[in-house]
């Protein structure tokens, strides 16, 4: 049923046996059953929490009822949050997502994927109700902080479960679906606010926030009946329950389930042995530093592309520009991002990572320059509408390229024994940059601060020019490459622009399962 070839390698002064395992590899469609599809949809829907929160806050913060309740009517007339209050509402709560992301690792290790996520849903109710009934801005910000902490846990847990329960050939598609569901939730949130912004008083913002409170309850109910991750159960030595759950999630025969479980157990033993004495700071060692910086930078750099003007601050920004109906335009902006993300899997897998990055990011740079130049003529209504239209186009290409690559590249280039540490570092970098950019933008755009308005696009244009240089020198082409091939090319010091044509060794092209069985 399987055959094994063993050879010796040296990894960090350990004697390593590398086993090329030819396990049973059923076709992915034979593995799929109704329970697996339902599990992927249910856990993928955890991203609804992030998507809804991320997109609802911009139009909610631009509502007259919200501003009047939490800030009052400013002397200059138009109801809009000051730069200081925008920082409080948008930036400060993001610190909670960093805490949640860091807390997810020990929670997932101890309680498993399912109960960690269910606990997050229950815990989020407090933050949701605090936002809904907040008597002042401070209470609202605390509620947002509470919610983003839960979102950090959910964002780290859901992809982990999905990557463990689906067949290997489906992992890329399943994780991509999380991004799509997140953005679909964002569209829903903007549509709801667009429907309530004409109401009077507090109902304007309370209805969208009430829907946000209901989401965790719905997600809890659709998730509670699902099986725990078999991979996690194997890591805890609960083999009988692992087999029972895997049987539920597979559409093929018992003996194929047993074979998959056998390979799962072997991989768990290999991973445990490989990472037994690995420390977090090894990701900054000479042999790992380049890939660590690359993994962290991609998630972080997409924050400085200019996307924040047409996502987090969309409605507030459009209101400041005085363009049409900013709430309707916010719905259009969310739909454009969703469309780009849905196109991403087709583009990235066909043309490769580097071509997608260079074409997509060059277009983002051009849009930043064009929008920033038009900002010098905002007295002209056509110029204002053109800036809004460029923002929609920006959203599409950002979703199709930069955003999707940010999620994909770190998972492909991290070395196996440091994958968990590298991903933790990557998420921390991304959230830290998010805090900085969401804090900085109001200080640049708002009338009571630098008052640059849409000219801020030129600031991001300078950032994008630097990003393109980073991509050329540090972004590898990983299309069709195994983890072993990626390791080989990093170890050989192959320049990034030569990865596409580089021929790796035969061994690196095979599936590798690393088993540390002895020490030097």
Protein backbone atom coordinates (compact mmCIF):
# COMPACT_ATOMS: atom_id res chain seq x y z
CA UNK A 1 0.00 0.00 0.00
CA UNK A 2 2.98 2.30 0.45
CA UNK A 3 6.70 2.20 -0.06
CA UNK A 4 9.44 4.14 1.71
CA UNK A 5 12.92 5.27 0.67
CA UNK A 6 15.19 6.65 3.40
CA UNK A 7 18.20 8.94 3.11
CA UNK A 8 20.22 11.00 5.62
CA UNK A 9 20.30 14.77 5.92
CA UNK A 10 21.60 17.17 8.54
CA UNK A 11 19.26 19.79 9.95
CA UNK A 12 20.46 21.95 12.84
CA UNK A 13 22.93 19.29 14.05
CA UNK A 14 20.27 16.58 14.04
CA UNK A 15 20.39 13.38 12.09
CA UNK A 16 17.30 13.40 9.96
CA UNK A 17 15.72 10.59 8.01
CA UNK A 18 13.83 11.84 4.99
CA UNK A 19 11.10 9.47 3.91
CA UNK A 20 9.50 9.70 0.50
CA UNK A 21 6.07 8.29 1.24
CA UNK A 22 3.83 6.97 -1.51
CA UNK A 23 0.61 6.86 0.44
CA UNK A 24 -2.75 6.20 -1.05
CA UNK A 25 -3.70 9.30 -2.98
CA UNK A 26 -7.37 9.10 -3.92
CA UNK A 27 -8.78 11.68 -6.26
CA UNK A 28 -9.98 14.72 -4.33
CA UNK A 29 -13.54 14.41 -5.61
CA UNK A 30 -13.76 10.86 -4.19
CA UNK A 31 -12.88 12.22 -0.74
CA UNK A 32 -15.58 14.88 -0.68
CA UNK A 33 -18.92 14.25 1.01
CA UNK A 34 -21.73 16.43 2.32
CA UNK A 35 -20.24 16.67 5.82
CA UNK A 36 -16.89 17.94 4.49
CA UNK A 37 -18.57 20.57 2.32
CA UNK A 38 -20.72 21.68 5.25
CA UNK A 39 -17.69 21.81 7.57
CA UNK A 40 -15.75 23.97 5.11
CA UNK A 41 -18.66 26.37 4.70
CA UNK A 42 -19.32 26.56 8.45
CA UNK A 43 -15.69 27.14 9.48
CA UNK A 44 -15.03 29.38 6.48
CA UNK A 45 -17.97 31.49 7.63
CA UNK A 46 -15.99 32.39 10.74
CA UNK A 47 -14.46 35.02 8.46
CA UNK A 48 -17.90 36.68 8.44
CA UNK A 49 -16.95 38.18 11.82
CA UNK A 50 -13.89 39.89 10.37
CA UNK A 51 -15.48 40.81 7.05
CA UNK A 52 -18.55 42.35 8.64
CA UNK A 53 -16.63 44.27 11.29
CA UNK A 54 -13.99 45.45 8.83
CA UNK A 55 -16.47 46.87 6.32
CA UNK A 56 -19.33 48.01 8.58
CA UNK A 57 -17.32 50.40 10.72
CA UNK A 58 -16.51 52.87 7.92
CA UNK A 59 -20.12 53.60 6.86
CA UNK A 60 -21.36 53.42 10.47
CA UNK A 61 -18.78 55.99 11.56
CA UNK A 62 -19.99 58.31 8.77
CA UNK A 63 -23.64 58.18 9.84
CA UNK A 64 -25.08 61.41 11.22
CA UNK A 65 -26.75 59.51 14.06
CA UNK A 66 -23.46 57.89 15.09
CA UNK A 67 -21.46 61.12 15.01
CA UNK A 68 -24.17 63.02 16.87
CA UNK A 69 -24.35 60.31 19.56
CA UNK A 70 -20.63 59.88 20.20
CA UNK A 71 -19.12 63.23 19.25
CA UNK A 72 -21.86 65.83 18.94
CA UNK A 73 -22.36 68.40 16.23
CA UNK A 74 -19.03 70.13 15.54
CA UNK A 75 -18.96 73.89 15.16
CA UNK A 76 -17.94 73.72 11.50
CA UNK A 77 -21.33 72.25 10.58
CA UNK A 78 -20.88 68.96 8.75
CA UNK A 79 -21.27 65.91 10.92
CA UNK A 80 -18.04 63.89 10.70
CA UNK A 81 -15.62 62.41 13.19
CA UNK A 82 -12.50 64.38 13.99
CA UNK A 83 -9.09 62.85 13.22
CA UNK A 84 -8.64 62.02 16.91
CA UNK A 85 -11.96 60.21 17.16
CA UNK A 86 -11.34 58.37 13.89
CA UNK A 87 -8.12 57.03 15.41
CA UNK A 88 -10.03 55.89 18.49
CA UNK A 89 -12.72 54.13 16.48
CA UNK A 90 -10.59 52.62 13.71
CA UNK A 91 -7.03 52.21 14.97
CA UNK A 92 -6.97 51.52 18.72
CA UNK A 93 -9.29 48.45 18.61
CA UNK A 94 -6.98 46.70 16.12
CA UNK A 95 -4.56 46.06 18.96
CA UNK A 96 -7.14 43.51 20.12
CA UNK A 97 -6.64 41.48 16.94
CA UNK A 98 -2.93 41.18 17.73
CA UNK A 99 -3.77 39.87 21.21
CA UNK A 100 -6.36 37.48 19.77
CA UNK A 101 -3.95 36.15 17.15
CA UNK A 102 -1.31 35.45 19.79
CA UNK A 103 -3.86 33.85 22.13
CA UNK A 104 -5.14 31.54 19.38
CA UNK A 105 -2.05 29.33 19.38
CA UNK A 106 -2.23 28.09 23.01
CA UNK A 107 -6.04 27.93 22.84
CA UNK A 108 -5.96 25.77 19.72
CA UNK A 109 -3.29 23.53 21.20
CA UNK A 110 -5.22 22.91 24.40
CA UNK A 111 -8.90 22.99 23.41
CA UNK A 112 -8.85 22.08 19.73
CA UNK A 113 -10.14 23.98 16.72
CA UNK A 114 -13.88 23.52 17.21
CA UNK A 115 -14.18 24.51 20.88
CA UNK A 116 -11.77 27.41 20.51
CA UNK A 117 -13.97 28.84 17.77
CA UNK A 118 -17.21 28.17 19.65
CA UNK A 119 -15.75 29.83 22.74
CA UNK A 120 -14.77 32.85 20.64
CA UNK A 121 -18.33 33.16 19.36
CA UNK A 122 -19.73 33.14 22.90
CA UNK A 123 -17.12 35.61 24.13
CA UNK A 124 -17.84 37.99 21.25
CA UNK A 125 -21.41 38.59 22.41
CA UNK A 126 -20.17 40.86 25.20
CA UNK A 127 -18.28 43.09 22.80
CA UNK A 128 -21.18 43.18 20.36
CA UNK A 129 -23.73 44.26 22.95
CA UNK A 130 -21.31 46.82 24.40
CA UNK A 131 -20.99 48.45 20.98
CA UNK A 132 -24.74 48.32 20.41
CA UNK A 133 -25.70 49.98 23.70
CA UNK A 134 -22.56 52.07 24.33
CA UNK A 135 -23.43 55.26 26.25
CA UNK A 136 -20.31 57.07 25.05
CA UNK A 137 -17.39 56.79 22.64
CA UNK A 138 -15.06 55.19 25.22
CA UNK A 139 -17.49 52.31 25.80
CA UNK A 140 -17.91 51.87 22.05
CA UNK A 141 -14.15 51.67 21.54
CA UNK A 142 -13.86 49.08 24.35
CA UNK A 143 -16.59 47.04 22.63
CA UNK A 144 -14.69 47.21 19.33
CA UNK A 145 -11.48 46.18 21.07
CA UNK A 146 -13.33 43.22 22.60
CA UNK A 147 -14.68 42.21 19.19
CA UNK A 148 -11.36 42.47 17.38
CA UNK A 149 -9.75 40.21 19.99
CA UNK A 150 -12.32 37.54 19.11
CA UNK A 151 -11.76 38.17 15.41
CA UNK A 152 -8.01 37.57 15.88
CA UNK A 153 -8.78 34.16 17.42
CA UNK A 154 -11.27 33.24 14.69
CA UNK A 155 -8.94 34.34 11.88
CA UNK A 156 -6.19 32.05 13.18
CA UNK A 157 -8.47 29.09 13.96
CA UNK A 158 -10.73 28.70 10.92
CA UNK A 159 -7.94 28.35 8.27
CA UNK A 160 -6.16 25.88 10.54
CA UNK A 161 -9.22 23.61 10.77
CA UNK A 162 -9.92 23.80 7.04
CA UNK A 163 -6.34 23.04 6.03
CA UNK A 164 -6.43 19.96 8.28
CA UNK A 165 -9.75 18.45 7.20
CA UNK A 166 -9.66 18.87 3.40
CA UNK A 167 -7.55 16.65 1.09
CA UNK A 168 -4.17 18.25 0.26
CA UNK A 169 -5.15 19.00 -3.34
CA UNK A 170 -8.05 21.15 -2.09
CA UNK A 171 -6.20 23.23 0.52
CA UNK A 172 -5.49 26.19 -1.71
CA UNK A 173 -9.09 26.49 -2.84
CA UNK A 174 -10.50 26.03 0.64
CA UNK A 175 -8.32 28.73 2.20
CA UNK A 176 -9.12 31.07 -0.70
CA UNK A 177 -12.81 30.55 0.06
CA UNK A 178 -12.22 32.10 3.49
CA UNK A 179 -11.16 35.35 1.83
CA UNK A 180 -14.18 35.26 -0.48
CA UNK A 181 -16.62 34.66 2.39
CA UNK A 182 -14.99 37.47 4.38
CA UNK A 183 -15.47 39.93 1.55
CA UNK A 184 -19.00 38.67 0.89
CA UNK A 185 -19.81 39.50 4.50
CA UNK A 186 -18.34 42.95 3.91
CA UNK A 187 -20.68 43.48 1.00
CA UNK A 188 -23.63 42.43 3.17
CA UNK A 189 -22.64 44.90 5.89
CA UNK A 190 -22.33 47.83 3.48
CA UNK A 191 -25.70 46.98 1.91
CA UNK A 192 -27.33 46.99 5.36
CA UNK A 193 -25.88 50.40 6.27
CA UNK A 194 -26.87 51.74 2.87
CA UNK A 195 -30.43 50.71 3.72
CA UNK A 196 -30.44 52.35 7.16
CA UNK A 197 -28.57 55.61 6.56
CA UNK A 198 -31.79 57.41 5.63
CA UNK A 199 -33.46 56.54 8.96
CA UNK A 200 -33.62 59.03 11.79
CA UNK A 201 -31.60 59.02 15.00
CA UNK A 202 -29.78 56.09 16.58
CA UNK A 203 -31.57 53.47 14.46
CA UNK A 204 -29.17 54.42 11.66
CA UNK A 205 -26.25 52.66 13.32
CA UNK A 206 -27.99 50.38 15.82
CA UNK A 207 -29.57 48.12 13.17
CA UNK A 208 -26.23 47.24 11.48
CA UNK A 209 -24.65 46.67 14.91
CA UNK A 210 -27.60 44.48 15.98
CA UNK A 211 -26.98 42.28 12.92
CA UNK A 212 -23.34 42.05 13.98
CA UNK A 213 -24.48 40.83 17.41
CA UNK A 214 -26.60 38.13 15.79
CA UNK A 215 -23.79 36.74 13.63
CA UNK A 216 -21.93 34.85 16.41
CA UNK A 217 -25.19 33.21 17.53
CA UNK A 218 -25.91 31.97 14.01
CA UNK A 219 -22.33 30.79 13.49
CA UNK A 220 -22.34 29.00 16.86
CA UNK A 221 -25.46 27.04 15.87
CA UNK A 222 -24.10 26.00 12.46
CA UNK A 223 -20.72 24.97 13.93
CA UNK A 224 -21.59 23.09 17.12
CA UNK A 225 -22.57 19.85 15.37
CA UNK A 226 -19.35 19.53 13.38
CA UNK A 227 -16.57 17.02 14.17
CA UNK A 228 -13.32 18.17 15.74
CA UNK A 229 -10.23 18.21 13.52
CA UNK A 230 -8.87 14.63 13.16
CA UNK A 231 -5.35 16.07 12.94
CA UNK A 232 -5.70 17.72 16.35
CA UNK A 233 -7.12 14.52 17.84
CA UNK A 234 -4.14 12.59 16.46
CA UNK A 235 -1.81 15.10 18.13
CA UNK A 236 -3.53 14.29 21.45
CA UNK A 237 -3.29 10.54 20.91
CA UNK A 238 -7.07 10.11 20.59
CA UNK A 239 -6.86 7.79 17.59
CA UNK A 240 -10.30 6.16 17.84
CA UNK A 241 -12.08 9.52 17.88
CA UNK A 242 -9.79 10.79 15.11
CA UNK A 243 -10.78 7.85 12.90
CA UNK A 244 -14.46 8.35 13.72
CA UNK A 245 -14.30 12.05 12.76
CA UNK A 246 -12.25 11.42 9.62
CA UNK A 247 -14.77 8.81 8.54
CA UNK A 248 -17.49 11.49 8.80
CA UNK A 249 -15.48 13.87 6.63
CA UNK A 250 -14.56 11.46 3.83
CA UNK A 251 -16.56 9.97 0.99
CA UNK A 252 -14.28 7.07 0.17
CA UNK A 253 -13.80 3.61 1.71
CA UNK A 254 -12.76 2.59 5.23
CA UNK A 255 -9.35 1.30 4.17
CA UNK A 256 -8.56 4.63 2.47
CA UNK A 257 -9.59 6.43 5.66
CA UNK A 258 -7.26 4.14 7.65
CA UNK A 259 -4.40 4.85 5.25
CA UNK A 260 -4.93 8.61 5.46
CA UNK A 261 -5.01 8.36 9.24
CA UNK A 262 -1.75 6.38 9.18
CA UNK A 263 -0.04 9.09 7.14
CA UNK A 264 -1.58 11.74 9.41
CA UNK A 265 -0.09 10.03 12.45
CA UNK A 266 3.32 9.75 10.78
CA UNK A 267 3.28 13.43 9.86
CA UNK A 268 2.34 14.38 13.42
CA UNK A 269 5.24 12.36 14.83
CA UNK A 270 7.59 13.89 12.26
CA UNK A 271 6.45 17.43 13.02
CA UNK A 272 6.72 16.90 16.78
CA UNK A 273 10.23 15.53 16.48
CA UNK A 274 11.34 18.19 14.03
CA UNK A 275 10.16 21.11 16.16
CA UNK A 276 10.93 19.65 19.58
CA UNK A 277 13.82 22.01 20.36
CA UNK A 278 13.01 24.86 17.99
CA UNK A 279 12.87 28.37 19.44
CA UNK A 280 10.93 31.30 18.03
CA UNK A 281 14.05 33.42 17.53
CA UNK A 282 15.45 30.91 15.03
CA UNK A 283 13.28 32.54 12.35
CA UNK A 284 15.77 35.43 12.50
CA UNK A 285 18.81 33.18 12.03
CA UNK A 286 21.03 33.74 9.00
CA UNK A 287 19.60 30.78 7.08
CA UNK A 288 15.97 31.79 7.69
CA UNK A 289 16.07 35.60 7.86
CA UNK A 290 15.32 36.30 4.19
CA UNK A 291 12.23 34.12 4.06
CA UNK A 292 11.05 35.42 7.46
CA UNK A 293 11.28 39.04 6.33
CA UNK A 294 9.59 38.20 3.02
CA UNK A 295 6.72 36.38 4.75
CA UNK A 296 6.15 39.21 7.20
CA UNK A 297 6.55 42.00 4.67
CA UNK A 298 3.89 40.86 2.22
CA UNK A 299 1.10 40.92 4.74
CA UNK A 300 2.37 44.25 6.04
CA UNK A 301 3.11 45.95 2.73
CA UNK A 302 -0.39 45.53 1.36
CA UNK A 303 -1.49 47.90 4.13
CA UNK A 304 0.56 50.74 2.62
CA UNK A 305 -0.69 50.31 -0.94
CA UNK A 306 -3.48 52.86 -0.48
CA UNK A 307 -6.21 50.29 -0.01
CA UNK A 308 -7.10 51.68 3.39
CA UNK A 309 -8.64 54.75 1.71
CA UNK A 310 -11.14 52.53 -0.14
CA UNK A 311 -11.83 49.92 2.55
CA UNK A 312 -11.49 50.89 6.22
CA UNK A 313 -12.11 54.59 5.59
CA UNK A 314 -14.22 54.28 2.43
CA UNK A 315 -17.39 56.05 3.53
CA UNK A 316 -15.65 58.60 5.74
CA UNK A 317 -13.21 59.40 2.93
CA UNK A 318 -15.92 59.70 0.28
CA UNK A 319 -17.99 61.89 2.60
CA UNK A 320 -15.00 64.21 3.02
CA UNK A 321 -14.66 64.37 -0.78
CA UNK A 322 -18.34 65.23 -1.08
CA UNK A 323 -18.90 62.61 -3.76
CA UNK A 324 -22.48 61.51 -4.66
CA UNK A 325 -24.02 59.09 -2.17
CA UNK A 326 -21.00 57.73 -0.25
CA UNK A 327 -23.03 54.86 1.21
CA UNK A 328 -23.99 53.53 -2.23
CA UNK A 329 -20.42 53.95 -3.40
CA UNK A 330 -19.21 51.99 -0.38
CA UNK A 331 -21.32 49.01 -1.51
CA UNK A 332 -19.78 49.26 -4.99
CA UNK A 333 -16.28 49.39 -3.49
CA UNK A 334 -16.93 46.23 -1.44
CA UNK A 335 -18.27 44.40 -4.50
CA UNK A 336 -15.15 45.33 -6.50
CA UNK A 337 -12.86 43.90 -3.81
CA UNK A 338 -14.96 40.72 -3.71
CA UNK A 339 -14.81 40.36 -7.51
CA UNK A 340 -11.02 40.73 -7.49
CA UNK A 341 -10.59 38.13 -4.76
CA UNK A 342 -12.79 35.66 -6.65
CA UNK A 343 -10.61 36.12 -9.74
CA UNK A 344 -7.36 35.67 -7.79
CA UNK A 345 -7.14 31.82 -7.78
CA UNK A 346 -7.46 31.71 -11.58
CA UNK A 347 -4.84 34.40 -12.13
CA UNK A 348 -2.23 33.36 -9.56
CA UNK A 349 -2.20 29.65 -10.44
CA UNK A 350 -2.08 30.28 -14.19
CA UNK A 351 0.48 33.05 -14.59
CA UNK A 352 2.48 32.60 -11.38
CA UNK A 353 3.21 34.69 -8.30
CA UNK A 354 5.79 37.19 -9.58
CA UNK A 355 3.99 38.15 -12.82
CA UNK A 356 0.76 38.64 -10.87
CA UNK A 357 2.59 40.79 -8.35
CA UNK A 358 4.41 42.99 -10.88
CA UNK A 359 1.41 43.62 -13.13
CA UNK A 360 -1.03 44.11 -10.26
CA UNK A 361 1.23 46.33 -8.17
CA UNK A 362 2.26 48.44 -11.16
CA UNK A 363 -1.43 49.11 -11.84
CA UNK A 364 -1.93 50.06 -8.17
CA UNK A 365 0.98 52.50 -8.43
CA UNK A 366 -0.50 54.11 -11.56
CA UNK A 367 -3.91 54.43 -9.86
CA UNK A 368 -2.34 56.00 -6.77
CA UNK A 369 -0.57 58.59 -8.93
CA UNK A 370 -3.67 59.33 -11.05
CA UNK A 371 -6.01 59.68 -8.03
CA UNK A 372 -3.51 61.84 -6.19
CA UNK A 373 -3.07 64.12 -9.23
CA UNK A 374 -6.84 64.50 -9.63
CA UNK A 375 -7.03 65.58 -5.98
CA UNK A 376 -5.57 68.96 -6.95
CA UNK A 377 -8.81 69.67 -8.81
CA UNK A 378 -11.45 68.52 -6.31
CA UNK A 379 -13.50 71.63 -7.06
CA UNK A 380 -14.42 69.88 -10.30
CA UNK A 381 -17.17 67.29 -9.73
CA UNK A 382 -15.87 65.11 -12.56
CA UNK A 383 -12.47 64.92 -10.89
CA UNK A 384 -14.10 63.82 -7.63
CA UNK A 385 -16.13 61.13 -9.40
CA UNK A 386 -12.97 59.97 -11.21
CA UNK A 387 -11.18 59.57 -7.87
CA UNK A 388 -14.05 57.43 -6.60
CA UNK A 389 -14.02 55.32 -9.80
CA UNK A 390 -10.24 54.83 -9.54
CA UNK A 391 -10.80 53.64 -5.97
CA UNK A 392 -13.18 50.94 -7.23
CA UNK A 393 -10.67 49.80 -9.86
CA UNK A 394 -7.96 49.84 -7.20
CA UNK A 395 -10.05 47.52 -5.01
CA UNK A 396 -10.44 44.97 -7.81
CA UNK A 397 -6.74 44.72 -8.66
CA UNK A 398 -5.74 44.77 -4.99
CA UNK A 399 -8.06 41.84 -4.28
CA UNK A 400 -6.91 39.92 -7.37
CA UNK A 401 -3.21 40.36 -6.64
CA UNK A 402 -1.74 41.98 -3.56
CA UNK A 403 -4.31 40.77 -1.02
CA UNK A 404 -4.37 37.17 -2.24
CA UNK A 405 -0.58 36.96 -2.54
CA UNK A 406 -0.23 38.30 1.00
CA UNK A 407 -2.16 35.30 2.30
CA UNK A 408 -0.49 32.76 0.00
CA UNK A 409 3.23 33.58 -0.04
CA UNK A 410 3.94 33.23 3.73
CA UNK A 411 2.40 29.73 3.82
CA UNK A 412 4.51 28.63 0.83
CA UNK A 413 7.96 29.90 1.79
CA UNK A 414 8.14 29.14 5.53
CA UNK A 415 10.43 26.22 6.32
CA UNK A 416 8.44 23.29 7.84
CA UNK A 417 10.06 23.26 11.27
CA UNK A 418 9.47 27.00 11.73
CA UNK A 419 6.10 27.30 9.97
CA UNK A 420 4.06 28.01 13.12
CA UNK A 421 6.54 30.62 14.36
CA UNK A 422 6.80 32.25 10.93
CA UNK A 423 3.03 32.53 10.57
CA UNK A 424 2.72 34.00 14.07
CA UNK A 425 5.36 36.60 13.19
CA UNK A 426 3.60 37.33 9.89
CA UNK A 427 0.22 37.94 11.54
CA UNK A 428 1.82 40.14 14.20
CA UNK A 429 3.55 42.22 11.49
CA UNK A 430 0.33 42.60 9.53
CA UNK A 431 -1.73 43.74 12.49
CA UNK A 432 0.99 46.10 13.71
CA UNK A 433 1.12 47.76 10.29
CA UNK A 434 -2.69 47.92 10.24
CA UNK A 435 -2.66 49.79 13.54
CA UNK A 436 -0.06 52.26 12.24
CA UNK A 437 -1.81 52.94 8.92
CA UNK A 438 -5.29 53.29 10.40
CA UNK A 439 -3.84 55.75 12.90
CA UNK A 440 -1.93 57.73 10.27
CA UNK A 441 -4.60 58.11 7.58
CA UNK A 442 -6.97 60.44 9.52
CA UNK A 443 -3.99 62.59 10.41
CA UNK A 444 -3.28 62.96 6.68
CA UNK A 445 -6.79 63.23 5.21
CA UNK A 446 -8.93 65.03 7.79
CA UNK A 447 -9.68 68.75 7.57
CA UNK A 448 -8.76 69.20 11.24
CA UNK A 449 -5.34 67.59 10.66
CA UNK A 450 -3.05 67.72 7.58
CA UNK A 451 -6.10 68.13 5.29
CA UNK A 452 -4.49 66.34 2.34
CA UNK A 453 -7.72 64.59 1.39
CA UNK A 454 -7.28 62.50 -1.76
CA UNK A 455 -3.73 63.86 -2.17
CA UNK A 456 -2.86 61.13 0.35
CA UNK A 457 -2.88 58.75 -2.63
CA UNK A 458 0.46 60.32 -3.66
CA UNK A 459 1.93 59.32 -0.29
CA UNK A 460 0.87 55.75 -0.97
CA UNK A 461 2.23 56.00 -4.53
CA UNK A 462 5.69 56.56 -3.05
CA UNK A 463 5.15 53.53 -0.81
CA UNK A 464 4.09 51.38 -3.79
CA UNK A 465 7.23 52.34 -5.74
CA UNK A 466 9.29 51.00 -2.83
CA UNK A 467 7.11 47.87 -2.66
CA UNK A 468 7.88 47.05 -6.30
CA UNK A 469 11.61 47.17 -5.54
CA UNK A 470 11.11 44.83 -2.57
CA UNK A 471 9.10 42.43 -4.74
CA UNK A 472 11.82 42.27 -7.40
CA UNK A 473 14.57 41.36 -4.95
CA UNK A 474 12.72 39.32 -2.31
CA UNK A 475 9.59 37.69 -3.79
CA UNK A 476 10.16 34.09 -4.98
CA UNK A 477 8.23 32.33 -7.74
CA UNK A 478 6.71 29.33 -5.94
CA UNK A 479 4.21 28.23 -8.57
CA UNK A 480 4.22 24.42 -8.77
CA UNK A 481 7.10 24.07 -6.29
CA UNK A 482 7.13 21.63 -3.37
CA UNK A 483 8.22 22.79 0.09
CA UNK A 484 11.43 20.81 -0.44
CA UNK A 485 12.20 22.68 -3.66
CA UNK A 486 11.61 26.00 -1.91
CA UNK A 487 14.04 24.95 0.84
CA UNK A 488 16.63 23.88 -1.74
CA UNK A 489 16.53 27.16 -3.65
CA UNK A 490 16.73 29.26 -0.49
CA UNK A 491 19.66 27.15 0.75
CA UNK A 492 21.40 27.52 -2.63
CA UNK A 493 20.98 31.30 -2.57
CA UNK A 494 19.25 31.43 -5.96
CA UNK A 495 18.25 35.03 -6.83
CA UNK A 496 14.48 35.47 -6.79
CA UNK A 497 14.29 36.47 -10.46
CA UNK A 498 15.87 33.10 -11.42
CA UNK A 499 13.54 30.81 -9.46
CA UNK A 500 11.10 30.33 -12.33
CA UNK A 501 13.64 28.56 -14.57
CA UNK A 502 15.80 26.92 -11.89
CA UNK A 503 15.96 23.12 -12.03
CA UNK A 504 15.94 21.52 -8.57
CA UNK A 505 17.16 18.04 -7.68
CA UNK A 506 14.94 15.01 -8.30
CA UNK A 507 14.62 14.39 -4.56
CA UNK A 508 13.26 17.86 -3.90
CA UNK A 509 10.49 17.33 -6.42
CA UNK A 510 9.11 14.39 -4.44
CA UNK A 511 6.79 14.62 -1.47
CA UNK A 512 8.88 14.60 1.69
CA UNK A 513 7.96 13.51 5.17
CA UNK A 514 10.73 14.32 7.61
CA UNK A 515 11.27 12.01 10.55
CA UNK A 516 13.82 12.83 13.24
CA UNK A 517 14.65 9.51 14.87
CA UNK A 518 18.10 10.06 16.28
CA UNK A 519 20.51 12.78 17.24
CA UNK A 520 24.06 13.28 16.06
